[in-house]
Amino acid sequence: MAPRPDELPMREQRKQCWGSRDAWFACLDKNNIINAIDEEVKAKKACPKEFKKFEDSCVHSWVEYFNKKRVLDFRKEQMLRDAAEKGQLMTGPAGTFSVDPNAPKK
């Protein structure tokens, strides 16, 4: 059961939340759904049990956060992969660096 919105989740509740998030994301991956926000109906239809458990295990703000982060992480990986294939330099807080196109993909 998810904690109330006004209380912090305990360690065991966080583990349950992360586990249900991982199961939700695995089901989305299996169904080729990246953005569960924009494709909410499709995602919930493809993975109803996983979504219910995810929603029941995590506070609402975490559900929103994890779903948004999934999309941002995907876009970031895609951008880095595209830049690597083009041999482009990337800039960031640590400075300028070259993206290795031969680096293993996650």
PDB file of N, CA and C in Angstrom:
ATOM      1  N   MET A   1       0.841  -1.181   0.000  1.00  0.00           N
ATOM      2  CA  MET A   1       0.000   0.000   0.000  1.00  0.00           C
ATOM      3  C   MET A   1       0.884   1.240   0.000  1.00  0.00           C
ATOM      4  N   ALA A   2       0.539   2.198  -0.818  1.00  0.00           N
ATOM      5  CA  ALA A   2       1.310   3.443  -0.901  1.00  0.00           C
ATOM      6  C   ALA A   2       1.080   4.269   0.361  1.00  0.00           C
ATOM      7  N   PRO A   3       2.114   4.977   0.799  1.00  0.00           N
ATOM      8  CA  PRO A   3       1.938   5.843   1.963  1.00  0.00           C
ATOM      9  C   PRO A   3       1.047   7.023   1.609  1.00  0.00           C
ATOM     10  N   ARG A   4       0.521   7.653   2.632  1.00  0.00           N
ATOM     11  CA  ARG A   4      -0.285   8.851   2.405  1.00  0.00           C
ATOM     12  C   ARG A   4       0.601   9.925   1.769  1.00  0.00           C
ATOM     13  N   PRO A   5       0.017  10.842   0.990  1.00  0.00           N
ATOM     14  CA  PRO A   5       0.821  11.872   0.330  1.00  0.00           C
ATOM     15  C   PRO A   5       1.625  12.752   1.292  1.00  0.00           C
ATOM     16  N   ASP A   6       1.168  12.866   2.529  1.00  0.00           N
ATOM     17  CA  ASP A   6       1.844  13.762   3.471  1.00  0.00           C
ATOM     18  C   ASP A   6       2.909  13.060   4.317  1.00  0.00           C
ATOM     19  N   GLU A   7       3.190  11.781   4.032  1.00  0.00           N
ATOM     20  CA  GLU A   7       4.229  11.078   4.789  1.00  0.00           C
ATOM     21  C   GLU A   7       5.274  10.500   3.839  1.00  0.00           C
ATOM     22  N   LEU A   8       6.487  10.385   4.318  1.00  0.00           N
ATOM     23  CA  LEU A   8       7.563   9.818   3.527  1.00  0.00           C
ATOM     24  C   LEU A   8       7.467   8.296   3.528  1.00  0.00           C
ATOM     25  N   PRO A   9       7.716   7.660   2.379  1.00  0.00           N
ATOM     26  CA  PRO A   9       7.668   6.206   2.337  1.00  0.00           C
ATOM     27  C   PRO A   9       8.824   5.590   3.132  1.00  0.00           C
ATOM     28  N   MET A  10       8.541   4.516   3.807  1.00  0.00           N
ATOM     29  CA  MET A  10       9.564   3.787   4.545  1.00  0.00           C
ATOM     30  C   MET A  10      10.376   2.940   3.562  1.00  0.00           C
ATOM     31  N   ARG A  11      11.498   2.429   4.015  1.00  0.00           N
ATOM     32  CA  ARG A  11      12.410   1.677   3.145  1.00  0.00           C
ATOM     33  C   ARG A  11      11.687   0.539   2.415  1.00  0.00           C
ATOM     34  N   GLU A  12      10.914  -0.239   3.119  1.00  0.00           N
ATOM     35  CA  GLU A  12      10.235  -1.372   2.491  1.00  0.00           C
ATOM     36  C   GLU A  12       9.205  -0.887   1.463  1.00  0.00           C
ATOM     37  N   GLN A  13       8.520   0.211   1.754  1.00  0.00           N
ATOM     38  CA  GLN A  13       7.556   0.765   0.805  1.00  0.00           C
ATOM     39  C   GLN A  13       8.271   1.260  -0.459  1.00  0.00           C
ATOM     40  N   ARG A  14       9.452   1.851  -0.285  1.00  0.00           N
ATOM     41  CA  ARG A  14      10.220   2.314  -1.445  1.00  0.00           C
ATOM     42  C   ARG A  14      10.638   1.125  -2.308  1.00  0.00           C
ATOM     43  N   LYS A  15      11.076   0.039  -1.667  1.00  0.00           N
ATOM     44  CA  LYS A  15      11.472  -1.160  -2.421  1.00  0.00           C
ATOM     45  C   LYS A  15      10.293  -1.715  -3.219  1.00  0.00           C
ATOM     46  N   GLN A  16       9.120  -1.743  -2.594  1.00  0.00           N
ATOM     47  CA  GLN A  16       7.926  -2.233  -3.285  1.00  0.00           C
ATOM     48  C   GLN A  16       7.592  -1.323  -4.466  1.00  0.00           C
ATOM     49  N   CYS A  17       7.717  -0.025  -4.245  1.00  0.00           N
ATOM     50  CA  CYS A  17       7.441   0.943  -5.306  1.00  0.00           C
ATOM     51  C   CYS A  17       8.389   0.725  -6.469  1.00  0.00           C
ATOM     52  N   TRP A  18       9.685   0.623  -6.187  1.00  0.00           N
ATOM     53  CA  TRP A  18      10.677   0.447  -7.246  1.00  0.00           C
ATOM     54  C   TRP A  18      10.462  -0.872  -7.980  1.00  0.00           C
ATOM     55  N   GLY A  19      10.108  -1.912  -7.246  1.00  0.00           N
ATOM     56  CA  GLY A  19       9.854  -3.209  -7.884  1.00  0.00           C
ATOM     57  C   GLY A  19       8.653  -3.153  -8.812  1.00  0.00           C
ATOM     58  N   SER A  20       7.596  -2.507  -8.365  1.00  0.00           N
ATOM     59  CA  SER A  20       6.405  -2.405  -9.211  1.00  0.00           C
ATOM     60  C   SER A  20       6.661  -1.470 -10.395  1.00  0.00           C
ATOM     61  N   ARG A  21       7.497  -0.447 -10.191  1.00  0.00           N
ATOM     62  CA  ARG A  21       7.887   0.437 -11.303  1.00  0.00           C
ATOM     63  C   ARG A  21       8.648  -0.361 -12.358  1.00  0.00           C
ATOM     64  N   ASP A  22       9.582  -1.194 -11.893  1.00  0.00           N
ATOM     65  CA  ASP A  22      10.378  -1.996 -12.826  1.00  0.00           C
ATOM     66  C   ASP A  22       9.496  -2.965 -13.617  1.00  0.00           C
ATOM     67  N   ALA A  23       8.514  -3.561 -12.957  1.00  0.00           N
ATOM     68  CA  ALA A  23       7.591  -4.475 -13.644  1.00  0.00           C
ATOM     69  C   ALA A  23       6.738  -3.706 -14.659  1.00  0.00           C
ATOM     70  N   TRP A  24       6.282  -2.515 -14.286  1.00  0.00           N
ATOM     71  CA  TRP A  24       5.497  -1.651 -15.170  1.00  0.00           C
ATOM     72  C   TRP A  24       6.317  -1.285 -16.406  1.00  0.00           C
ATOM     73  N   PHE A  25       7.567  -0.864 -16.195  1.00  0.00           N
ATOM     74  CA  PHE A  25       8.421  -0.480 -17.301  1.00  0.00           C
ATOM     75  C   PHE A  25       8.763  -1.678 -18.189  1.00  0.00           C
ATOM     76  N   ALA A  26       8.965  -2.840 -17.605  1.00  0.00           N
ATOM     77  CA  ALA A  26       9.252  -4.044 -18.390  1.00  0.00           C
ATOM     78  C   ALA A  26       8.069  -4.378 -19.301  1.00  0.00           C
ATOM     79  N   CYS A  27       6.868  -4.240 -18.764  1.00  0.00           N
ATOM     80  CA  CYS A  27       5.674  -4.497 -19.567  1.00  0.00           C
ATOM     81  C   CYS A  27       5.545  -3.459 -20.686  1.00  0.00           C
ATOM     82  N   LEU A  28       5.826  -2.193 -20.374  1.00  0.00           N
ATOM     83  CA  LEU A  28       5.785  -1.153 -21.410  1.00  0.00           C
ATOM     84  C   LEU A  28       6.806  -1.460 -22.501  1.00  0.00           C
ATOM     85  N   ASP A  29       8.014  -1.854 -22.089  1.00  0.00           N
ATOM     86  CA  ASP A  29       9.054  -2.203 -23.065  1.00  0.00           C
ATOM     87  C   ASP A  29       8.594  -3.343 -23.968  1.00  0.00           C
ATOM     88  N   LYS A  30       8.001  -4.360 -23.361  1.00  0.00           N
ATOM     89  CA  LYS A  30       7.522  -5.530 -24.110  1.00  0.00           C
ATOM     90  C   LYS A  30       6.473  -5.127 -25.149  1.00  0.00           C
ATOM     91  N   ASN A  31       5.731  -4.066 -24.836  1.00  0.00           N
ATOM     92  CA  ASN A  31       4.667  -3.600 -25.733  1.00  0.00           C
ATOM     93  C   ASN A  31       5.074  -2.378 -26.554  1.00  0.00           C
ATOM     94  N   ASN A  32       6.382  -2.071 -26.559  1.00  0.00           N
ATOM     95  CA  ASN A  32       6.922  -0.948 -27.343  1.00  0.00           C
ATOM     96  C   ASN A  32       6.240   0.384 -27.036  1.00  0.00           C
ATOM     97  N   ILE A  33       6.032   0.631 -25.761  1.00  0.00           N
ATOM     98  CA  ILE A  33       5.441   1.892 -25.312  1.00  0.00           C
ATOM     99  C   ILE A  33       6.503   2.642 -24.518  1.00  0.00           C
ATOM    100  N   ILE A  34       6.911   3.791 -25.017  1.00  0.00           N
ATOM    101  CA  ILE A  34       7.906   4.605 -24.315  1.00  0.00           C
ATOM    102  C   ILE A  34       7.200   5.597 -23.398  1.00  0.00           C
ATOM    103  N   ASN A  35       6.210   6.273 -23.930  1.00  0.00           N
ATOM    104  CA  ASN A  35       5.565   7.363 -23.205  1.00  0.00           C
ATOM    105  C   ASN A  35       4.191   6.932 -22.687  1.00  0.00           C
ATOM    106  N   ALA A  36       4.164   6.502 -21.437  1.00  0.00           N
ATOM    107  CA  ALA A  36       2.916   6.036 -20.835  1.00  0.00           C
ATOM    108  C   ALA A  36       1.981   7.194 -20.500  1.00  0.00           C
ATOM    109  N   ILE A  37       2.476   8.412 -20.603  1.00  0.00           N
ATOM    110  CA  ILE A  37       1.631   9.588 -20.343  1.00  0.00           C
ATOM    111  C   ILE A  37       0.807   9.890 -21.594  1.00  0.00           C
ATOM    112  N   ASP A  38       1.495  10.034 -22.738  1.00  0.00           N
ATOM    113  CA  ASP A  38       0.793  10.332 -23.987  1.00  0.00           C
ATOM    114  C   ASP A  38      -0.006   9.138 -24.502  1.00  0.00           C
ATOM    115  N   GLU A  39       0.451   7.936 -24.185  1.00  0.00           N
ATOM    116  CA  GLU A  39      -0.223   6.718 -24.630  1.00  0.00           C
ATOM    117  C   GLU A  39      -0.871   6.006 -23.437  1.00  0.00           C
ATOM    118  N   GLU A  40      -1.475   6.771 -22.566  1.00  0.00           N
ATOM    119  CA  GLU A  40      -2.009   6.242 -21.312  1.00  0.00           C
ATOM    120  C   GLU A  40      -3.022   5.121 -21.521  1.00  0.00           C
ATOM    121  N   VAL A  41      -3.969   5.321 -22.413  1.00  0.00           N
ATOM    122  CA  VAL A  41      -5.006   4.309 -22.637  1.00  0.00           C
ATOM    123  C   VAL A  41      -4.377   3.012 -23.141  1.00  0.00           C
ATOM    124  N   LYS A  42      -3.483   3.128 -24.116  1.00  0.00           N
ATOM    125  CA  LYS A  42      -2.804   1.950 -24.670  1.00  0.00           C
ATOM    126  C   LYS A  42      -1.964   1.255 -23.591  1.00  0.00           C
ATOM    127  N   ALA A  43      -1.258   2.046 -22.787  1.00  0.00           N
ATOM    128  CA  ALA A  43      -0.386   1.480 -21.748  1.00  0.00           C
ATOM    129  C   ALA A  43      -1.204   0.739 -20.695  1.00  0.00           C
ATOM    130  N   LYS A  44      -2.273   1.346 -20.241  1.00  0.00           N
ATOM    131  CA  LYS A  44      -3.100   0.714 -19.208  1.00  0.00           C
ATOM    132  C   LYS A  44      -3.819  -0.522 -19.745  1.00  0.00           C
ATOM    133  N   LYS A  45      -4.148  -0.504 -21.031  1.00  0.00           N
ATOM    134  CA  LYS A  45      -4.798  -1.668 -21.632  1.00  0.00           C
ATOM    135  C   LYS A  45      -3.805  -2.814 -21.801  1.00  0.00           C
ATOM    136  N   ALA A  46      -2.552  -2.484 -22.167  1.00  0.00           N
ATOM    137  CA  ALA A  46      -1.527  -3.504 -22.380  1.00  0.00           C
ATOM    138  C   ALA A  46      -1.015  -4.095 -21.069  1.00  0.00           C
ATOM    139  N   CYS A  47      -0.981  -3.283 -20.020  1.00  0.00           N
ATOM    140  CA  CYS A  47      -0.368  -3.698 -18.749  1.00  0.00           C
ATOM    141  C   CYS A  47      -1.231  -3.321 -17.545  1.00  0.00           C
ATOM    142  N   PRO A  48      -2.474  -3.770 -17.496  1.00  0.00           N
ATOM    143  CA  PRO A  48      -3.358  -3.321 -16.423  1.00  0.00           C
ATOM    144  C   PRO A  48      -2.919  -3.743 -15.023  1.00  0.00           C
ATOM    145  N   LYS A  49      -2.458  -4.979 -14.873  1.00  0.00           N
ATOM    146  CA  LYS A  49      -2.050  -5.458 -13.542  1.00  0.00           C
ATOM    147  C   LYS A  49      -0.806  -4.724 -13.057  1.00  0.00           C
ATOM    148  N   GLU A  50       0.146  -4.546 -13.965  1.00  0.00           N
ATOM    149  CA  GLU A  50       1.391  -3.865 -13.601  1.00  0.00           C
ATOM    150  C   GLU A  50       1.138  -2.411 -13.229  1.00  0.00           C
ATOM    151  N   PHE A  51       0.243  -1.749 -13.986  1.00  0.00           N
ATOM    152  CA  PHE A  51      -0.042  -0.355 -13.660  1.00  0.00           C
ATOM    153  C   PHE A  51      -0.748  -0.245 -12.312  1.00  0.00           C
ATOM    154  N   LYS A  52      -1.705  -1.118 -12.067  1.00  0.00           N
ATOM    155  CA  LYS A  52      -2.445  -1.078 -10.793  1.00  0.00           C
ATOM    156  C   LYS A  52      -1.488  -1.256  -9.618  1.00  0.00           C
ATOM    157  N   LYS A  53      -0.589  -2.233  -9.737  1.00  0.00           N
ATOM    158  CA  LYS A  53       0.368  -2.466  -8.650  1.00  0.00           C
ATOM    159  C   LYS A  53       1.294  -1.258  -8.486  1.00  0.00           C
ATOM    160  N   PHE A  54       1.761  -0.693  -9.597  1.00  0.00           N
ATOM    161  CA  PHE A  54       2.622   0.486  -9.570  1.00  0.00           C
ATOM    162  C   PHE A  54       1.904   1.645  -8.882  1.00  0.00           C
ATOM    163  N   GLU A  55       0.669   1.881  -9.280  1.00  0.00           N
ATOM    164  CA  GLU A  55      -0.112   2.976  -8.711  1.00  0.00           C
ATOM    165  C   GLU A  55      -0.410   2.742  -7.231  1.00  0.00           C
ATOM    166  N   ASP A  56      -0.658   1.495  -6.846  1.00  0.00           N
ATOM    167  CA  ASP A  56      -0.967   1.179  -5.455  1.00  0.00           C
ATOM    168  C   ASP A  56       0.274   1.187  -4.560  1.00  0.00           C
ATOM    169  N   SER A  57       1.446   0.936  -5.146  1.00  0.00           N
ATOM    170  CA  SER A  57       2.676   0.831  -4.363  1.00  0.00           C
ATOM    171  C   SER A  57       3.402   2.153  -4.169  1.00  0.00           C
ATOM    172  N   CYS A  58       3.133   3.125  -5.018  1.00  0.00           N
ATOM    173  CA  CYS A  58       3.887   4.388  -5.002  1.00  0.00           C
ATOM    174  C   CYS A  58       2.962   5.577  -4.770  1.00  0.00           C
ATOM    175  N   VAL A  59       3.506   6.595  -4.129  1.00  0.00           N
ATOM    176  CA  VAL A  59       2.733   7.834  -3.995  1.00  0.00           C
ATOM    177  C   VAL A  59       2.543   8.426  -5.389  1.00  0.00           C
ATOM    178  N   HIS A  60       1.468   9.152  -5.575  1.00  0.00           N
ATOM    179  CA  HIS A  60       1.108   9.670  -6.897  1.00  0.00           C
ATOM    180  C   HIS A  60       2.229  10.504  -7.523  1.00  0.00           C
ATOM    181  N   SER A  61       2.878  11.325  -6.726  1.00  0.00           N
ATOM    182  CA  SER A  61       3.946  12.172  -7.271  1.00  0.00           C
ATOM    183  C   SER A  61       5.095  11.330  -7.823  1.00  0.00           C
ATOM    184  N   TRP A  62       5.354  10.170  -7.217  1.00  0.00           N
ATOM    185  CA  TRP A  62       6.417   9.284  -7.709  1.00  0.00           C
ATOM    186  C   TRP A  62       5.998   8.627  -9.027  1.00  0.00           C
ATOM    187  N   VAL A  63       4.734   8.243  -9.129  1.00  0.00           N
ATOM    188  CA  VAL A  63       4.223   7.646 -10.372  1.00  0.00           C
ATOM    189  C   VAL A  63       4.426   8.641 -11.519  1.00  0.00           C
ATOM    190  N   GLU A  64       4.032   9.880 -11.295  1.00  0.00           N
ATOM    191  CA  GLU A  64       4.208  10.914 -12.318  1.00  0.00           C
ATOM    192  C   GLU A  64       5.686  11.109 -12.646  1.00  0.00           C
ATOM    193  N   TYR A  65       6.504  11.221 -11.596  1.00  0.00           N
ATOM    194  CA  TYR A  65       7.937  11.452 -11.781  1.00  0.00           C
ATOM    195  C   TYR A  65       8.585  10.329 -12.591  1.00  0.00           C
ATOM    196  N   PHE A  66       8.345   9.083 -12.201  1.00  0.00           N
ATOM    197  CA  PHE A  66       8.969   7.954 -12.889  1.00  0.00           C
ATOM    198  C   PHE A  66       8.531   7.869 -14.354  1.00  0.00           C
ATOM    199  N   ASN A  67       7.249   8.115 -14.618  1.00  0.00           N
ATOM    200  CA  ASN A  67       6.770   8.073 -16.001  1.00  0.00           C
ATOM    201  C   ASN A  67       7.413   9.175 -16.846  1.00  0.00           C
ATOM    202  N   LYS A  68       7.552  10.371 -16.287  1.00  0.00           N
ATOM    203  CA  LYS A  68       8.190  11.478 -17.014  1.00  0.00           C
ATOM    204  C   LYS A  68       9.681  11.211 -17.203  1.00  0.00           C
ATOM    205  N   LYS A  69      10.318  10.699 -16.166  1.00  0.00           N
ATOM    206  CA  LYS A  69      11.756  10.420 -16.240  1.00  0.00           C
ATOM    207  C   LYS A  69      12.048   9.360 -17.291  1.00  0.00           C
ATOM    208  N   ARG A  70      11.183   8.390 -17.419  1.00  0.00           N
ATOM    209  CA  ARG A  70      11.359   7.344 -18.436  1.00  0.00           C
ATOM    210  C   ARG A  70      11.446   7.963 -19.829  1.00  0.00           C
ATOM    211  N   VAL A  71      10.572   8.899 -20.113  1.00  0.00           N
ATOM    212  CA  VAL A  71      10.559   9.556 -21.424  1.00  0.00           C
ATOM    213  C   VAL A  71      11.830  10.398 -21.604  1.00  0.00           C
ATOM    214  N   LEU A  72      12.197  11.163 -20.584  1.00  0.00           N
ATOM    215  CA  LEU A  72      13.402  11.988 -20.667  1.00  0.00           C
ATOM    216  C   LEU A  72      14.658  11.135 -20.841  1.00  0.00           C
ATOM    217  N   ASP A  73      14.751  10.042 -20.119  1.00  0.00           N
ATOM    218  CA  ASP A  73      15.905   9.147 -20.246  1.00  0.00           C
ATOM    219  C   ASP A  73      15.985   8.549 -21.651  1.00  0.00           C
ATOM    220  N   PHE A  74      14.844   8.182 -22.199  1.00  0.00           N
ATOM    221  CA  PHE A  74      14.810   7.633 -23.554  1.00  0.00           C
ATOM    222  C   PHE A  74      15.280   8.673 -24.567  1.00  0.00           C
ATOM    223  N   ARG A  75      14.776   9.888 -24.442  1.00  0.00           N
ATOM    224  CA  ARG A  75      15.169  10.961 -25.370  1.00  0.00           C
ATOM    225  C   ARG A  75      16.659  11.275 -25.254  1.00  0.00           C
ATOM    226  N   LYS A  76      17.178  11.272 -24.027  1.00  0.00           N
ATOM    227  CA  LYS A  76      18.597  11.539 -23.804  1.00  0.00           C
ATOM    228  C   LYS A  76      19.448  10.458 -24.473  1.00  0.00           C
ATOM    229  N   GLU A  77      19.101   9.197 -24.249  1.00  0.00           N
ATOM    230  CA  GLU A  77      19.842   8.093 -24.860  1.00  0.00           C
ATOM    231  C   GLU A  77      19.787   8.179 -26.385  1.00  0.00           C
ATOM    232  N   GLN A  78      18.627   8.504 -26.905  1.00  0.00           N
ATOM    233  CA  GLN A  78      18.453   8.612 -28.351  1.00  0.00           C
ATOM    234  C   GLN A  78      19.319   9.755 -28.908  1.00  0.00           C
ATOM    235  N   MET A  79      19.334  10.894 -28.219  1.00  0.00           N
ATOM    236  CA  MET A  79      20.129  12.040 -28.646  1.00  0.00           C
ATOM    237  C   MET A  79      21.620  11.701 -28.627  1.00  0.00           C
ATOM    238  N   LEU A  80      22.081  11.048 -27.556  1.00  0.00           N
ATOM    239  CA  LEU A  80      23.483  10.669 -27.457  1.00  0.00           C
ATOM    240  C   LEU A  80      23.864   9.651 -28.528  1.00  0.00           C
ATOM    241  N   ARG A  81      22.986   8.704 -28.784  1.00  0.00           N
ATOM    242  CA  ARG A  81      23.240   7.697 -29.814  1.00  0.00           C
ATOM    243  C   ARG A  81      23.323   8.351 -31.198  1.00  0.00           C
ATOM    244  N   ASP A  82      22.395   9.273 -31.472  1.00  0.00           N
ATOM    245  CA  ASP A  82      22.412   9.977 -32.761  1.00  0.00           C
ATOM    246  C   ASP A  82      23.682  10.800 -32.919  1.00  0.00           C
ATOM    247  N   ALA A  83      24.081  11.487 -31.859  1.00  0.00           N
ATOM    248  CA  ALA A  83      25.300  12.296 -31.908  1.00  0.00           C
ATOM    249  C   ALA A  83      26.520  11.411 -32.117  1.00  0.00           C
ATOM    250  N   ALA A  84      26.552  10.270 -31.476  1.00  0.00           N
ATOM    251  CA  ALA A  84      27.688   9.357 -31.617  1.00  0.00           C
ATOM    252  C   ALA A  84      27.791   8.840 -33.044  1.00  0.00           C
ATOM    253  N   GLU A  85      26.654   8.518 -33.632  1.00  0.00           N
ATOM    254  CA  GLU A  85      26.656   8.012 -35.001  1.00  0.00           C
ATOM    255  C   GLU A  85      27.150   9.068 -35.983  1.00  0.00           C
ATOM    256  N   LYS A  86      26.910  10.336 -35.665  1.00  0.00           N
ATOM    257  CA  LYS A  86      27.354  11.435 -36.528  1.00  0.00           C
ATOM    258  C   LYS A  86      28.743  11.931 -36.155  1.00  0.00           C
ATOM    259  N   GLY A  87      29.313  11.372 -35.079  1.00  0.00           N
ATOM    260  CA  GLY A  87      30.641  11.778 -34.643  1.00  0.00           C
ATOM    261  C   GLY A  87      30.679  13.190 -34.087  1.00  0.00           C
ATOM    262  N   GLN A  88      29.567  13.637 -33.533  1.00  0.00           N
ATOM    263  CA  GLN A  88      29.484  15.001 -33.012  1.00  0.00           C
ATOM    264  C   GLN A  88      30.043  15.095 -31.602  1.00  0.00           C
ATOM    265  N   LEU A  89      30.460  16.301 -31.261  1.00  0.00           N
ATOM    266  CA  LEU A  89      30.899  16.579 -29.903  1.00  0.00           C
ATOM    267  C   LEU A  89      29.694  16.994 -29.082  1.00  0.00           C
ATOM    268  N   MET A  90      29.700  16.618 -27.823  1.00  0.00           N
ATOM    269  CA  MET A  90      28.630  16.993 -26.903  1.00  0.00           C
ATOM    270  C   MET A  90      29.219  17.935 -25.859  1.00  0.00           C
ATOM    271  N   THR A  91      28.424  18.895 -25.419  1.00  0.00           N
ATOM    272  CA  THR A  91      28.874  19.777 -24.357  1.00  0.00           C
ATOM    273  C   THR A  91      27.946  19.621 -23.169  1.00  0.00           C
ATOM    274  N   GLY A  92      28.509  19.797 -22.002  1.00  0.00           N
ATOM    275  CA  GLY A  92      27.729  19.668 -20.782  1.00  0.00           C
ATOM    276  C   GLY A  92      28.458  20.350 -19.654  1.00  0.00           C
ATOM    277  N   PRO A  93      27.984  20.189 -18.430  1.00  0.00           N
ATOM    278  CA  PRO A  93      28.590  20.847 -17.276  1.00  0.00           C
ATOM    279  C   PRO A  93      30.056  20.471 -17.081  1.00  0.00           C
ATOM    280  N   ALA A  94      30.443  19.268 -17.527  1.00  0.00           N
ATOM    281  CA  ALA A  94      31.821  18.824 -17.342  1.00  0.00           C
ATOM    282  C   ALA A  94      32.712  19.271 -18.495  1.00  0.00           C
ATOM    283  N   GLY A  95      32.153  19.960 -19.483  1.00  0.00           N
ATOM    284  CA  GLY A  95      32.937  20.420 -20.617  1.00  0.00           C
ATOM    285  C   GLY A  95      32.516  19.749 -21.904  1.00  0.00           C
ATOM    286  N   THR A  96      33.395  19.805 -22.887  1.00  0.00           N
ATOM    287  CA  THR A  96      33.115  19.226 -24.199  1.00  0.00           C
ATOM    288  C   THR A  96      33.736  17.840 -24.283  1.00  0.00           C
ATOM    289  N   PHE A  97      33.013  16.915 -24.861  1.00  0.00           N
ATOM    290  CA  PHE A  97      33.539  15.566 -24.999  1.00  0.00           C
ATOM    291  C   PHE A  97      33.011  14.957 -26.283  1.00  0.00           C
ATOM    292  N   SER A  98      33.709  13.968 -26.773  1.00  0.00           N
ATOM    293  CA  SER A  98      33.297  13.237 -27.952  1.00  0.00           C
ATOM    294  C   SER A  98      32.524  12.009 -27.506  1.00  0.00           C
ATOM    295  N   VAL A  99      31.507  11.668 -28.245  1.00  0.00           N
ATOM    296  CA  VAL A  99      30.710  10.498 -27.919  1.00  0.00           C
ATOM    297  C   VAL A  99      31.278   9.316 -28.694  1.00  0.00           C
ATOM    298  N   ASP A 100      31.618   8.252 -27.982  1.00  0.00           N
ATOM    299  CA  ASP A 100      32.196   7.062 -28.591  1.00  0.00           C
ATOM    300  C   ASP A 100      31.098   6.209 -29.215  1.00  0.00           C
ATOM    301  N   PRO A 101      31.077   6.088 -30.555  1.00  0.00           N
ATOM    302  CA  PRO A 101      30.020   5.286 -31.190  1.00  0.00           C
ATOM    303  C   PRO A 101      30.156   3.787 -30.900  1.00  0.00           C
ATOM    304  N   ASN A 102      31.319   3.362 -30.397  1.00  0.00           N
ATOM    305  CA  ASN A 102      31.530   1.951 -30.102  1.00  0.00           C
ATOM    306  C   ASN A 102      31.235   1.590 -28.649  1.00  0.00           C
ATOM    307  N   ALA A 103      30.809   2.585 -27.881  1.00  0.00           N
ATOM    308  CA  ALA A 103      30.498   2.325 -26.463  1.00  0.00           C
ATOM    309  C   ALA A 103      29.313   1.380 -26.382  1.00  0.00           C
ATOM    310  N   PRO A 104      29.335   0.459 -25.417  1.00  0.00           N
ATOM    311  CA  PRO A 104      28.208  -0.487 -25.290  1.00  0.00           C
ATOM    312  C   PRO A 104      26.924   0.242 -24.926  1.00  0.00           C
ATOM    313  N   LYS A 105      25.842  -0.229 -25.509  1.00  0.00           N
ATOM    314  CA  LYS A 105      24.526   0.361 -25.227  1.00  0.00           C
ATOM    315  C   LYS A 105      23.930  -0.341 -24.025  1.00  0.00           C
ATOM    316  N   LYS A 106      23.185   0.403 -23.232  1.00  0.00           N
ATOM    317  CA  LYS A 106      22.540  -0.158 -22.031  1.00  0.00           C
ATOM    318  C   LYS A 106      21.363  -0.995 -22.413  1.00  0.00           C
TER     319      LYS A 106
END
